[in-house]
Amino acid sequence: PGKVIAIALDTSGDKATHYHVDMLFPRSGVVRADVDAVTLTLASRDHASLEAGAATLADATALVAQAVPGHVLVAEFDAASGAPAHYDIDVRLPQGVVARLKVDPATREIGWRTPAIIND
């Protein structure tokens, strides 16, 4: 009875290749899940795993926008399949390549995903 409203492939390397899938259900609203690209195993991407006082998605996006020259393309929360909760943020750099970053919500540290830079 649900409808897929967003889907994106995640090959960042911090865990197995998977899809981020957002579905809209008439009774429960939006459900965010990860689907393993090989096994098709489902895992929830619930925002409840963040500690009180942790950076929000808006905080993390603003932090990256101040630290990295370019334009933020994509920013999303990721905490499925046992990986520590983090934000994945992609920035198009002035050279035209895309920097693939992650932000730790607790420490607000910016790190690199794998591969760190892609031509897109």
C-alpha atoms as a PDB file:
ATOM      1  CA  PRO A   1       0.000   0.000   0.000  1.00  0.00           C
ATOM      2  CA  GLY A   2       3.025   2.345   0.180  1.00  0.00           C
ATOM      3  CA  LYS A   3       4.502   4.517  -2.542  1.00  0.00           C
ATOM      4  CA  VAL A   4       8.235   5.040  -3.143  1.00  0.00           C
ATOM      5  CA  ILE A   5       8.897   8.790  -2.998  1.00  0.00           C
ATOM      6  CA  ALA A   6      12.726   8.785  -3.122  1.00  0.00           C
ATOM      7  CA  ILE A   7      15.512   6.325  -3.853  1.00  0.00           C
ATOM      8  CA  ALA A   8      19.289   6.745  -4.083  1.00  0.00           C
ATOM      9  CA  LEU A   9      22.210   4.340  -4.446  1.00  0.00           C
ATOM     10  CA  ASP A  10      24.859   4.666  -1.688  1.00  0.00           C
ATOM     11  CA  THR A  11      28.316   3.343  -2.603  1.00  0.00           C
ATOM     12  CA  SER A  12      30.195   5.418  -0.024  1.00  0.00           C
ATOM     13  CA  GLY A  13      32.215   2.488   1.277  1.00  0.00           C
ATOM     14  CA  ASP A  14      31.399   2.907   4.978  1.00  0.00           C
ATOM     15  CA  LYS A  15      29.209  -0.203   4.610  1.00  0.00           C
ATOM     16  CA  ALA A  16      27.988  -2.517   1.846  1.00  0.00           C
ATOM     17  CA  THR A  17      26.479  -0.899  -1.250  1.00  0.00           C
ATOM     18  CA  HIS A  18      22.829  -0.151  -0.522  1.00  0.00           C
ATOM     19  CA  TYR A  19      19.855   1.940  -1.553  1.00  0.00           C
ATOM     20  CA  HIS A  20      18.267   4.652   0.580  1.00  0.00           C
ATOM     21  CA  VAL A  21      14.522   4.266   0.018  1.00  0.00           C
ATOM     22  CA  ASP A  22      11.822   6.598   1.329  1.00  0.00           C
ATOM     23  CA  MET A  23       8.249   5.353   1.162  1.00  0.00           C
ATOM     24  CA  LEU A  24       4.978   7.085   1.949  1.00  0.00           C
ATOM     25  CA  PHE A  25       2.300   5.009   3.659  1.00  0.00           C
ATOM     26  CA  PRO A  26      -1.281   6.315   4.057  1.00  0.00           C
ATOM     27  CA  ARG A  27      -1.491   5.517   7.782  1.00  0.00           C
ATOM     28  CA  SER A  28       2.058   5.836   9.080  1.00  0.00           C
ATOM     29  CA  GLY A  29       3.558   8.576   6.897  1.00  0.00           C
ATOM     30  CA  VAL A  30       7.123   8.457   5.571  1.00  0.00           C
ATOM     31  CA  VAL A  31       9.290   5.429   6.294  1.00  0.00           C
ATOM     32  CA  ARG A  32      13.020   5.643   5.558  1.00  0.00           C
ATOM     33  CA  ALA A  33      14.833   2.363   4.927  1.00  0.00           C
ATOM     34  CA  ASP A  34      18.070   1.001   3.510  1.00  0.00           C
ATOM     35  CA  VAL A  35      17.999  -1.947   1.118  1.00  0.00           C
ATOM     36  CA  ASP A  36      21.223  -3.944   0.704  1.00  0.00           C
ATOM     37  CA  ALA A  37      22.011  -3.947  -3.031  1.00  0.00           C
ATOM     38  CA  VAL A  38      23.089  -7.611  -2.998  1.00  0.00           C
ATOM     39  CA  THR A  39      20.970  -9.393  -0.376  1.00  0.00           C
ATOM     40  CA  LEU A  40      17.948  -7.040  -0.486  1.00  0.00           C
ATOM     41  CA  THR A  41      17.963  -7.018   3.345  1.00  0.00           C
ATOM     42  CA  LEU A  42      15.960  -4.121   4.794  1.00  0.00           C
ATOM     43  CA  ALA A  43      17.129  -1.863   7.633  1.00  0.00           C
ATOM     44  CA  SER A  44      15.456   1.187   9.144  1.00  0.00           C
ATOM     45  CA  ARG A  45      17.017   4.657   8.965  1.00  0.00           C
ATOM     46  CA  ASP A  46      15.299   5.974  12.094  1.00  0.00           C
ATOM     47  CA  HIS A  47      16.341   9.418  13.351  1.00  0.00           C
ATOM     48  CA  ALA A  48      15.814   8.328  16.976  1.00  0.00           C
ATOM     49  CA  SER A  49      19.409   7.067  17.202  1.00  0.00           C
ATOM     50  CA  LEU A  50      20.800  10.610  17.678  1.00  0.00           C
ATOM     51  CA  GLU A  51      21.825  11.813  21.137  1.00  0.00           C
ATOM     52  CA  ALA A  52      20.304  14.943  22.660  1.00  0.00           C
ATOM     53  CA  GLY A  53      22.316  17.999  21.566  1.00  0.00           C
ATOM     54  CA  ALA A  54      23.636  16.305  18.429  1.00  0.00           C
ATOM     55  CA  ALA A  55      23.939  18.320  15.234  1.00  0.00           C
ATOM     56  CA  THR A  56      20.829  18.368  13.095  1.00  0.00           C
ATOM     57  CA  LEU A  57      20.895  17.880   9.331  1.00  0.00           C
ATOM     58  CA  ALA A  58      20.633  21.667   8.957  1.00  0.00           C
ATOM     59  CA  ASP A  59      23.552  22.181  11.386  1.00  0.00           C
ATOM     60  CA  ALA A  60      25.733  19.678   9.512  1.00  0.00           C
ATOM     61  CA  THR A  61      24.874  21.193   6.139  1.00  0.00           C
ATOM     62  CA  ALA A  62      25.711  24.700   7.376  1.00  0.00           C
ATOM     63  CA  LEU A  63      28.999  23.446   8.839  1.00  0.00           C
ATOM     64  CA  VAL A  64      30.041  21.878   5.524  1.00  0.00           C
ATOM     65  CA  ALA A  65      28.892  24.939   3.549  1.00  0.00           C
ATOM     66  CA  GLN A  66      31.170  27.139   5.696  1.00  0.00           C
ATOM     67  CA  ALA A  67      34.159  24.777   5.547  1.00  0.00           C
ATOM     68  CA  VAL A  68      34.098  23.619   1.918  1.00  0.00           C
ATOM     69  CA  PRO A  69      33.916  25.975  -1.077  1.00  0.00           C
ATOM     70  CA  GLY A  70      31.217  24.955  -3.532  1.00  0.00           C
ATOM     71  CA  HIS A  71      27.511  24.123  -3.604  1.00  0.00           C
ATOM     72  CA  VAL A  72      25.845  21.511  -1.413  1.00  0.00           C
ATOM     73  CA  LEU A  73      24.058  19.024  -3.696  1.00  0.00           C
ATOM     74  CA  VAL A  74      22.731  16.380  -1.304  1.00  0.00           C
ATOM     75  CA  ALA A  75      22.516  16.079   2.478  1.00  0.00           C
ATOM     76  CA  GLU A  76      20.916  13.151   4.296  1.00  0.00           C
ATOM     77  CA  PHE A  77      20.969  11.273   7.583  1.00  0.00           C
ATOM     78  CA  ASP A  78      22.362   7.718   7.584  1.00  0.00           C
ATOM     79  CA  ALA A  79      22.374   5.284  10.532  1.00  0.00           C
ATOM     80  CA  ALA A  80      21.355   1.911   9.170  1.00  0.00           C
ATOM     81  CA  SER A  81      22.995  -1.510   9.239  1.00  0.00           C
ATOM     82  CA  GLY A  82      25.028  -0.912  12.379  1.00  0.00           C
ATOM     83  CA  ALA A  83      27.020   2.034  11.018  1.00  0.00           C
ATOM     84  CA  PRO A  84      27.412   4.948  13.436  1.00  0.00           C
ATOM     85  CA  ALA A  85      24.858   7.683  12.815  1.00  0.00           C
ATOM     86  CA  HIS A  86      26.202  10.336  10.441  1.00  0.00           C
ATOM     87  CA  TYR A  87      25.189  12.765   7.734  1.00  0.00           C
ATOM     88  CA  ASP A  88      26.247  12.164   4.119  1.00  0.00           C
ATOM     89  CA  ILE A  89      26.792  15.474   2.331  1.00  0.00           C
ATOM     90  CA  ASP A  90      27.885  15.933  -1.286  1.00  0.00           C
ATOM     91  CA  VAL A  91      29.382  19.252  -2.435  1.00  0.00           C
ATOM     92  CA  ARG A  92      30.115  20.292  -6.018  1.00  0.00           C
ATOM     93  CA  LEU A  93      33.532  21.954  -5.817  1.00  0.00           C
ATOM     94  CA  PRO A  94      34.494  24.932  -8.016  1.00  0.00           C
ATOM     95  CA  GLN A  95      36.527  22.532 -10.229  1.00  0.00           C
ATOM     96  CA  GLY A  96      33.276  20.700 -11.072  1.00  0.00           C
ATOM     97  CA  VAL A  97      33.995  17.460  -9.197  1.00  0.00           C
ATOM     98  CA  VAL A  98      31.875  16.278  -6.256  1.00  0.00           C
ATOM     99  CA  ALA A  99      33.322  15.943  -2.756  1.00  0.00           C
ATOM    100  CA  ARG A 100      31.609  13.165  -0.766  1.00  0.00           C
ATOM    101  CA  LEU A 101      31.711  14.064   2.920  1.00  0.00           C
ATOM    102  CA  LYS A 102      30.276  12.742   6.161  1.00  0.00           C
ATOM    103  CA  VAL A 103      29.628  14.612   9.399  1.00  0.00           C
ATOM    104  CA  ASP A 104      29.542  13.047  12.850  1.00  0.00           C
ATOM    105  CA  PRO A 105      26.443  14.468  14.611  1.00  0.00           C
ATOM    106  CA  ALA A 106      28.005  14.159  18.088  1.00  0.00           C
ATOM    107  CA  THR A 107      31.426  15.713  17.392  1.00  0.00           C
ATOM    108  CA  ARG A 108      30.511  17.748  14.282  1.00  0.00           C
ATOM    109  CA  GLU A 109      33.713  16.482  12.648  1.00  0.00           C
ATOM    110  CA  ILE A 110      33.810  16.451   8.852  1.00  0.00           C
ATOM    111  CA  GLY A 111      35.324  13.368   7.201  1.00  0.00           C
ATOM    112  CA  TRP A 112      35.554  11.783   3.777  1.00  0.00           C
ATOM    113  CA  ARG A 113      33.437   8.984   2.314  1.00  0.00           C
ATOM    114  CA  THR A 114      34.883   6.479  -0.161  1.00  0.00           C
ATOM    115  CA  PRO A 115      35.602   7.461  -2.852  1.00  0.00           C
ATOM    116  CA  ALA A 116      36.172  10.975  -1.543  1.00  0.00           C
ATOM    117  CA  ILE A 117      35.963  12.750  -4.909  1.00  0.00           C
ATOM    118  CA  ILE A 118      33.913  11.743  -7.949  1.00  0.00           C
ATOM    119  CA  ASN A 119      33.436  13.224 -11.389  1.00  0.00           C
ATOM    120  CA  ASP A 120      29.712  13.747 -11.762  1.00  0.00           C
END
